Amino acid sequence: MKITAVEVLVLKSPGLYRSPEDASEPPGPTYMGLVRVSTDAGITGYSDMETAPTVAKAIVEAPRWSDDGLECFDGLAALLVGENPLEVERLWYKMYRGSIYYGRRGAAMQAISAIDIALWDILGRYYRQPIHILLGGRWRDRVRAYASTLFRPTPEAMREAARRYLDQGFTAVKFGWGVFGRDPALDQRLVEAARNALGDHAELMVDTGWFAERTPKEAIRMIRALEPFRPYFVEEPLHPEDYDGYRQVAEAVNTLIACGEQESTEWGFAQLIERARVDVVQPDLTRCGGLTVGRKIVHMAERANRLVIPHSWCSDLLTAASLHLMAWARRAAFVEFNTSAGPLSRELVREPLRLEDGYLRVPHGPGLGVEVNEETVARYRIA
């Protein structure tokens, strides 16, 4: 079996993403890249991509730079066409090395990540096994999901939102961004309102939004003020690269500190685990390097006794990939579930993932175990 094509399809939602300051449920991504890897055996793999899709499309479609075997400025498709798609580990490194002079991180790594997931999708479809079995086994059939949403502007709006997610069946909710970070007194009232509405048994997570820049001591002061409301974790209180600051914060507070959706590669996550000493790492499989890197992150986290809770906000394709990773990991606390109702989040697969008693079922079909809705792709594709 050989790869015959690697494509990035650019999709655009009819509703533009609103600023988190609007403090309402966002409609999901405005633009999305959909990677499609085709083979001469008729097996096709897919992955979504949370990046600037037109940039990723250029990275994938760029030509070969040299005819003498020197790979460092090459387009990713040129590196892969003609290769055996089952060799996921070797092909990951071929893409990484082949794009190293313009890549290593950012959009190039995000394109590599999505292609890698699509290759794992092909791998599973070829062997007629779900990805978690090919990773090494299934520890669980379902993973507890938390609703991922925005802070509302008032305590009453927070209570209404929290009650609505409980009514939908969630047993955990994460509020993030929005108005949080402007007024410490308001921040405390908003978190208190959420905790009061959720009660004692549901979990509450807080994403403080690193765009509200803080020093480590300011972050420590903020987290201590929120600790009476028992957040399960506090996410990204500092700039993603402030590894030493994260260590200072993690060592000073009792609350779990989470970070990693902006991080990539096994080397980057080693910094988060070993240097930053965060309690929860949050790899986004479409940013960190795909499933090939995701399984290495899980191994590193297990050795260091850290939690892995993937960031999976984009669509059900990414959530499905994250569920496979968490089915295989020995310990799985949660998976993130994007509560947006936009078509690129909810309609990209034929049978959207459904919450059952606060959990998401791990797909058991071959590969990712979900099928792309070609009608949705045709309706929203612009390039």
Protein backbone atom coordinates (compact mmCIF):
# COMPACT_ATOMS: atom_id res chain seq x y z
CA MET A 1 0.00 0.00 0.00
CA LYS A 2 1.27 3.46 -0.94
CA ILE A 3 0.20 7.01 -0.18
CA THR A 4 -1.18 8.66 -3.32
CA ALA A 5 -2.21 12.09 -1.99
CA VAL A 6 -2.03 14.30 1.11
CA GLU A 7 -4.50 17.20 1.04
CA VAL A 8 -5.66 20.01 3.30
CA LEU A 9 -9.29 20.99 2.73
CA VAL A 10 -10.15 24.46 4.07
CA LEU A 11 -13.60 24.72 5.65
CA LYS A 12 -15.37 27.89 6.76
CA SER A 13 -18.31 28.08 9.14
CA PRO A 14 -21.17 30.50 8.32
CA GLY A 15 -20.90 31.99 11.83
CA LEU A 16 -17.72 33.88 12.68
CA TYR A 17 -16.09 33.06 15.98
CA ARG A 18 -16.99 35.75 18.47
CA SER A 19 -14.57 37.23 20.95
CA PRO A 20 -14.55 35.37 24.28
CA GLU A 21 -15.50 38.74 25.78
CA ASP A 22 -18.99 38.22 24.36
CA ALA A 23 -19.35 35.73 27.20
CA SER A 24 -21.66 33.37 25.37
CA GLU A 25 -21.30 29.90 23.95
CA PRO A 26 -18.96 30.25 20.95
CA PRO A 27 -20.13 28.78 17.64
CA GLY A 28 -16.94 26.76 17.27
CA PRO A 29 -14.10 27.42 14.86
CA THR A 30 -14.62 29.82 11.98
CA TYR A 31 -12.00 28.12 9.80
CA MET A 32 -10.87 24.53 9.98
CA GLY A 33 -8.31 22.48 8.11
CA LEU A 34 -9.33 18.93 7.27
CA VAL A 35 -6.44 16.64 6.35
CA ARG A 36 -7.19 13.80 3.93
CA VAL A 37 -4.57 11.13 3.20
CA SER A 38 -5.41 8.78 0.31
CA THR A 39 -3.86 5.45 -0.65
CA ASP A 40 -3.77 3.16 -3.68
CA ALA A 41 -5.69 0.56 -1.64
CA GLY A 42 -8.73 2.81 -1.43
CA ILE A 43 -8.24 3.45 2.29
CA THR A 44 -8.48 7.09 3.34
CA GLY A 45 -7.53 8.68 6.67
CA TYR A 46 -8.77 11.97 8.10
CA SER A 47 -7.99 14.47 10.83
CA ASP A 48 -9.14 17.96 11.65
CA MET A 49 -6.59 20.67 12.31
CA GLU A 50 -6.90 23.65 14.67
CA THR A 51 -4.53 26.12 13.02
CA ALA A 52 -4.55 28.69 10.22
CA PRO A 53 -5.64 26.20 7.53
CA THR A 54 -4.49 28.21 4.53
CA VAL A 55 -0.99 28.36 6.05
CA ALA A 56 -1.05 24.61 6.72
CA LYS A 57 -2.27 23.99 3.17
CA ALA A 58 0.76 25.83 1.79
CA ILE A 59 3.08 23.80 4.05
CA VAL A 60 1.57 20.53 2.86
CA GLU A 61 1.50 21.47 -0.83
CA ALA A 62 4.94 23.11 -1.07
CA PRO A 63 7.25 21.36 -3.60
CA ARG A 64 10.36 19.34 -2.97
CA TRP A 65 13.34 21.63 -2.38
CA SER A 66 16.12 19.38 -3.66
CA ASP A 67 16.58 16.37 -5.95
CA ASP A 68 19.66 15.08 -4.16
CA GLY A 69 17.91 13.68 -1.10
CA LEU A 70 18.45 16.71 1.14
CA GLU A 71 15.23 17.11 3.12
CA CYS A 72 14.85 20.30 5.13
CA PHE A 73 12.63 22.74 3.16
CA ASP A 74 10.19 20.25 1.64
CA GLY A 75 6.41 20.27 1.49
CA LEU A 76 4.91 17.51 3.58
CA ALA A 77 2.92 15.88 0.77
CA ALA A 78 6.06 15.63 -1.38
CA LEU A 79 7.76 13.77 1.46
CA LEU A 80 4.95 11.25 1.84
CA VAL A 81 3.53 10.39 -1.59
CA GLY A 82 4.74 6.91 -2.54
CA GLU A 83 5.46 5.91 1.06
CA ASN A 84 3.86 3.07 3.03
CA PRO A 85 1.29 4.77 5.32
CA LEU A 86 1.63 2.02 7.95
CA GLU A 87 5.12 3.22 8.93
CA VAL A 88 3.79 5.96 11.18
CA GLU A 89 6.87 6.41 13.37
CA ARG A 90 9.32 6.66 10.48
CA LEU A 91 7.06 8.95 8.48
CA TRP A 92 6.62 11.27 11.47
CA TYR A 93 10.36 11.79 11.68
CA LYS A 94 10.66 12.13 7.90
CA MET A 95 8.15 15.00 8.01
CA TYR A 96 9.86 16.57 11.01
CA ARG A 97 13.32 16.42 9.45
CA GLY A 98 12.07 17.38 6.00
CA SER A 99 10.49 20.60 7.29
CA ILE A 100 13.05 21.38 9.97
CA TYR A 101 14.41 24.62 8.46
CA TYR A 102 10.98 26.26 8.49
CA GLY A 103 9.18 24.07 11.00
CA ARG A 104 9.90 22.30 14.29
CA ARG A 105 6.93 24.06 15.91
CA GLY A 106 3.92 26.19 14.94
CA ALA A 107 1.91 25.57 11.77
CA ALA A 108 4.39 23.03 10.42
CA MET A 109 4.07 20.88 13.54
CA GLN A 110 0.30 21.30 13.50
CA ALA A 111 0.21 20.03 9.91
CA ILE A 112 2.46 17.11 10.85
CA SER A 113 0.17 16.37 13.78
CA ALA A 114 -2.97 16.15 11.68
CA ILE A 115 -1.27 14.04 9.01
CA ASP A 116 -0.01 11.69 11.71
CA ILE A 117 -3.55 11.20 13.07
CA ALA A 118 -4.79 10.50 9.53
CA LEU A 119 -2.02 7.90 9.11
CA TRP A 120 -3.11 6.20 12.35
CA ASP A 121 -6.67 6.26 10.99
CA ILE A 122 -5.41 4.42 7.89
CA LEU A 123 -3.42 2.01 10.06
CA GLY A 124 -6.53 1.07 12.00
CA ARG A 125 -8.68 0.74 8.91
CA TYR A 126 -6.06 -1.47 7.23
CA TYR A 127 -5.84 -3.85 10.20
CA ARG A 128 -9.56 -3.43 11.02
CA GLN A 129 -8.80 -2.40 14.57
CA PRO A 130 -9.54 0.75 16.60
CA ILE A 131 -6.53 2.95 17.23
CA HIS A 132 -6.41 2.24 20.96
CA ILE A 133 -5.82 -1.46 20.26
CA LEU A 134 -2.92 -0.61 17.94
CA LEU A 135 -1.49 1.70 20.61
CA GLY A 136 -1.35 -1.29 22.93
CA GLY A 137 -4.71 -2.05 24.48
CA ARG A 138 -7.98 -0.83 25.95
CA TRP A 139 -8.21 -0.07 29.66
CA ARG A 140 -11.71 1.43 29.46
CA ASP A 141 -14.71 1.78 27.16
CA ARG A 142 -15.66 5.29 28.18
CA VAL A 143 -14.03 8.46 29.53
CA ARG A 144 -15.58 11.09 31.77
CA ALA A 145 -16.12 14.33 29.83
CA TYR A 146 -16.07 17.90 31.03
CA ALA A 147 -18.04 20.65 29.32
CA SER A 148 -15.60 23.25 27.96
CA THR A 149 -17.11 26.73 27.80
CA LEU A 150 -16.54 30.42 28.48
CA PHE A 151 -16.91 32.51 31.61
CA ARG A 152 -20.18 34.44 31.72
CA PRO A 153 -20.07 38.12 32.80
CA THR A 154 -22.22 37.90 35.94
CA PRO A 155 -22.67 35.46 38.83
CA GLU A 156 -26.28 34.82 37.82
CA ALA A 157 -25.26 34.00 34.25
CA MET A 158 -22.61 31.63 35.64
CA ARG A 159 -25.22 29.85 37.75
CA GLU A 160 -27.59 29.53 34.79
CA ALA A 161 -24.84 28.12 32.57
CA ALA A 162 -23.64 25.64 35.21
CA ARG A 163 -27.18 24.37 35.80
CA ARG A 164 -27.70 23.96 32.06
CA TYR A 165 -24.62 21.75 31.70
CA LEU A 166 -25.74 19.64 34.65
CA ASP A 167 -29.12 19.23 32.93
CA GLN A 168 -27.30 18.05 29.80
CA GLY A 169 -25.68 15.28 31.82
CA PHE A 170 -22.22 16.68 32.48
CA THR A 171 -20.63 15.99 35.84
CA ALA A 172 -17.76 18.43 35.28
CA VAL A 173 -17.54 21.90 33.72
CA LYS A 174 -14.62 24.11 32.76
CA PHE A 175 -15.14 27.85 32.49
CA GLY A 176 -12.41 29.84 30.80
CA TRP A 177 -11.36 33.14 29.28
CA GLY A 178 -14.17 35.65 28.73
CA VAL A 179 -14.19 38.38 31.36
CA PHE A 180 -11.94 36.47 33.75
CA GLY A 181 -8.73 38.28 34.72
CA ARG A 182 -9.92 41.87 34.70
CA ASP A 183 -11.25 42.21 38.23
CA PRO A 184 -10.03 39.81 40.95
CA ALA A 185 -13.12 40.42 43.08
CA LEU A 186 -15.42 39.64 40.15
CA ASP A 187 -13.33 36.57 39.30
CA GLN A 188 -13.95 35.17 42.77
CA ARG A 189 -17.69 35.86 42.60
CA LEU A 190 -17.96 34.14 39.20
CA VAL A 191 -16.13 31.01 40.36
CA GLU A 192 -18.12 30.97 43.61
CA ALA A 193 -21.38 31.16 41.65
CA ALA A 194 -20.33 28.24 39.46
CA ARG A 195 -19.40 26.14 42.47
CA ASN A 196 -22.69 26.90 44.21
CA ALA A 197 -24.67 25.87 41.13
CA LEU A 198 -22.62 22.72 40.51
CA GLY A 199 -22.87 21.59 44.11
CA ASP A 200 -20.43 19.41 45.97
CA HIS A 201 -20.24 16.43 43.61
CA ALA A 202 -19.62 17.92 40.14
CA GLU A 203 -16.09 19.04 39.30
CA LEU A 204 -15.24 22.63 38.40
CA MET A 205 -12.22 23.55 36.27
CA VAL A 206 -10.94 27.09 35.70
CA ASP A 207 -9.03 28.23 32.61
CA THR A 208 -7.66 31.62 33.65
CA GLY A 209 -6.49 32.58 30.16
CA TRP A 210 -2.78 33.32 29.83
CA PHE A 211 -3.54 36.39 27.68
CA ALA A 212 -4.17 38.08 31.03
CA GLU A 213 -0.47 38.31 31.81
CA ARG A 214 0.60 37.60 35.39
CA THR A 215 3.79 37.15 37.34
CA PRO A 216 4.15 33.87 39.25
CA LYS A 217 3.33 35.57 42.53
CA GLU A 218 0.23 37.19 41.03
CA ALA A 219 -0.85 33.77 39.78
CA ILE A 220 -0.27 32.25 43.22
CA ARG A 221 -2.38 34.98 44.84
CA MET A 222 -5.17 34.43 42.30
CA ILE A 223 -5.23 30.65 42.73
CA ARG A 224 -5.24 30.85 46.52
CA ALA A 225 -8.23 33.16 46.31
CA LEU A 226 -10.07 30.52 44.21
CA GLU A 227 -9.10 27.49 46.30
CA PRO A 228 -12.09 27.78 48.69
CA PHE A 229 -14.28 26.90 45.66
CA ARG A 230 -12.33 23.67 45.07
CA PRO A 231 -11.33 23.85 41.40
CA TYR A 232 -10.20 20.47 40.12
CA PHE A 233 -7.44 22.27 38.23
CA VAL A 234 -6.46 25.79 37.23
CA GLU A 235 -5.30 26.00 33.63
CA GLU A 236 -2.62 28.21 32.05
CA PRO A 237 -2.26 30.95 34.68
CA LEU A 238 1.06 31.96 33.01
CA HIS A 239 2.55 32.31 29.55
CA PRO A 240 2.99 28.82 28.01
CA GLU A 241 6.79 29.13 27.89
CA ASP A 242 7.23 30.36 31.45
CA TYR A 243 8.45 26.96 32.64
CA ASP A 244 10.26 28.27 35.71
CA GLY A 245 7.25 30.38 36.66
CA TYR A 246 4.98 27.35 36.42
CA ARG A 247 7.23 25.43 38.75
CA GLN A 248 7.08 28.29 41.26
CA VAL A 249 3.28 28.29 41.10
CA ALA A 250 2.86 24.50 41.19
CA GLU A 251 5.05 24.24 44.28
CA ALA A 252 3.20 27.03 46.12
CA VAL A 253 -0.46 25.97 45.81
CA ASN A 254 -2.55 22.89 46.59
CA THR A 255 -4.68 23.06 43.44
CA LEU A 256 -3.58 21.04 40.40
CA ILE A 257 -1.92 23.22 37.74
CA ALA A 258 -2.64 22.35 34.10
CA CYS A 259 -0.86 23.42 30.92
CA GLY A 260 0.06 22.14 27.48
CA GLU A 261 -2.50 22.91 24.78
CA GLN A 262 0.02 25.34 23.22
CA GLU A 263 2.95 22.92 23.63
CA SER A 264 4.34 20.54 21.02
CA THR A 265 6.79 17.66 20.56
CA GLU A 266 8.07 15.23 23.14
CA TRP A 267 10.87 17.69 23.91
CA GLY A 268 8.44 20.47 24.73
CA PHE A 269 6.39 18.27 27.03
CA ALA A 270 9.53 17.10 28.78
CA GLN A 271 10.02 20.76 29.74
CA LEU A 272 6.50 20.94 31.15
CA ILE A 273 6.88 17.74 33.14
CA GLU A 274 10.48 17.94 34.32
CA ARG A 275 11.13 21.68 34.52
CA ALA A 276 7.72 23.31 34.97
CA ARG A 277 6.50 20.47 37.19
CA VAL A 278 2.85 21.00 36.24
CA ASP A 279 0.37 18.47 37.60
CA VAL A 280 -1.72 18.04 34.44
CA VAL A 281 -0.38 18.05 30.87
CA GLN A 282 -2.90 18.86 28.13
CA PRO A 283 -1.62 17.75 24.73
CA ASP A 284 -3.76 18.74 21.79
CA LEU A 285 -3.18 15.89 19.35
CA THR A 286 -3.51 18.25 16.36
CA ARG A 287 -0.76 20.49 17.78
CA CYS A 288 1.59 18.36 19.86
CA GLY A 289 2.69 16.02 17.06
CA GLY A 290 -0.25 13.68 16.66
CA LEU A 291 -0.80 10.26 18.19
CA THR A 292 2.82 9.28 17.59
CA VAL A 293 3.94 12.01 19.98
CA GLY A 294 0.84 11.71 22.17
CA ARG A 295 1.72 8.19 23.26
CA LYS A 296 5.25 9.35 24.17
CA ILE A 297 3.74 12.15 26.28
CA VAL A 298 1.57 9.63 28.10
CA HIS A 299 4.60 7.45 28.84
CA MET A 300 6.56 10.45 30.16
CA ALA A 301 3.63 11.57 32.30
CA GLU A 302 3.13 8.09 33.73
CA ARG A 303 6.78 7.84 34.71
CA ALA A 304 6.56 11.24 36.43
CA ASN A 305 3.13 10.46 37.99
CA ARG A 306 1.35 13.32 36.21
CA LEU A 307 -2.15 13.40 34.77
CA VAL A 308 -2.84 13.63 31.03
CA ILE A 309 -6.08 15.36 30.07
CA PRO A 310 -6.03 16.13 26.32
CA HIS A 311 -7.15 19.45 24.91
CA SER A 312 -9.79 18.54 22.32
CA TRP A 313 -11.85 21.57 21.50
CA CYS A 314 -12.12 21.50 17.70
CA SER A 315 -14.48 18.76 16.43
CA ASP A 316 -15.55 15.18 17.06
CA LEU A 317 -12.61 13.98 14.95
CA LEU A 318 -10.16 15.36 17.50
CA THR A 319 -12.30 14.19 20.41
CA ALA A 320 -12.36 10.68 18.92
CA ALA A 321 -8.56 10.65 18.61
CA SER A 322 -8.29 11.86 22.23
CA LEU A 323 -10.68 9.14 23.40
CA HIS A 324 -8.46 6.50 21.80
CA LEU A 325 -5.43 7.92 23.59
CA MET A 326 -7.28 7.92 26.91
CA ALA A 327 -8.66 4.41 26.36
CA TRP A 328 -5.07 3.18 26.03
CA ALA A 329 -3.54 5.24 28.87
CA ARG A 330 -3.51 3.43 32.21
CA ARG A 331 -5.15 6.39 33.94
CA ALA A 332 -7.72 8.70 32.40
CA ALA A 333 -9.34 11.39 34.51
CA PHE A 334 -11.22 13.37 31.84
CA VAL A 335 -11.52 14.26 28.19
CA GLU A 336 -12.49 17.77 27.07
CA PHE A 337 -15.77 18.19 25.19
CA ASN A 338 -16.41 21.34 23.17
CA THR A 339 -19.98 22.46 23.89
CA SER A 340 -20.22 24.67 20.79
CA ALA A 341 -23.15 23.99 18.48
CA GLY A 342 -21.48 25.19 15.25
CA PRO A 343 -21.49 22.89 12.21
CA LEU A 344 -17.72 22.38 12.08
CA SER A 345 -17.80 21.10 15.65
CA ARG A 346 -21.03 19.09 15.61
CA GLU A 347 -21.59 18.02 11.99
CA LEU A 348 -18.15 16.96 10.74
CA VAL A 349 -18.80 13.27 11.43
CA ARG A 350 -21.87 11.27 10.42
CA GLU A 351 -22.73 10.18 13.95
CA PRO A 352 -21.67 12.90 16.42
CA LEU A 353 -20.32 11.79 19.78
CA ARG A 354 -23.02 11.74 22.46
CA LEU A 355 -22.74 12.21 26.21
CA GLU A 356 -23.97 9.22 28.25
CA ASP A 357 -24.25 9.69 32.01
CA GLY A 358 -21.40 12.20 31.97
CA TYR A 359 -19.14 10.00 29.83
CA LEU A 360 -18.16 9.66 26.17
CA ARG A 361 -17.95 6.19 24.68
CA VAL A 362 -14.62 5.24 23.10
CA PRO A 363 -15.25 4.47 19.39
CA HIS A 364 -14.80 0.76 18.63
CA GLY A 365 -14.79 0.91 14.83
CA PRO A 366 -11.56 0.63 12.82
CA GLY A 367 -9.16 3.57 12.89
CA LEU A 368 -10.68 6.63 14.52
CA GLY A 369 -14.00 4.81 14.56
CA VAL A 370 -15.94 7.79 13.21
CA GLU A 371 -16.81 8.60 9.60
CA VAL A 372 -16.41 12.03 8.05
CA ASN A 373 -19.64 13.57 6.83
CA GLU A 374 -18.84 14.33 3.20
CA GLU A 375 -21.97 16.47 2.85
CA THR A 376 -20.71 18.78 5.60
CA VAL A 377 -17.29 18.97 3.92
CA ALA A 378 -18.85 19.83 0.56
CA ARG A 379 -21.14 22.45 2.12
CA TYR A 380 -18.42 24.37 3.98
CA ARG A 381 -15.31 23.79 1.88
CA ILE A 382 -13.81 26.95 0.40
CA ALA A 383 -10.40 25.63 -0.79
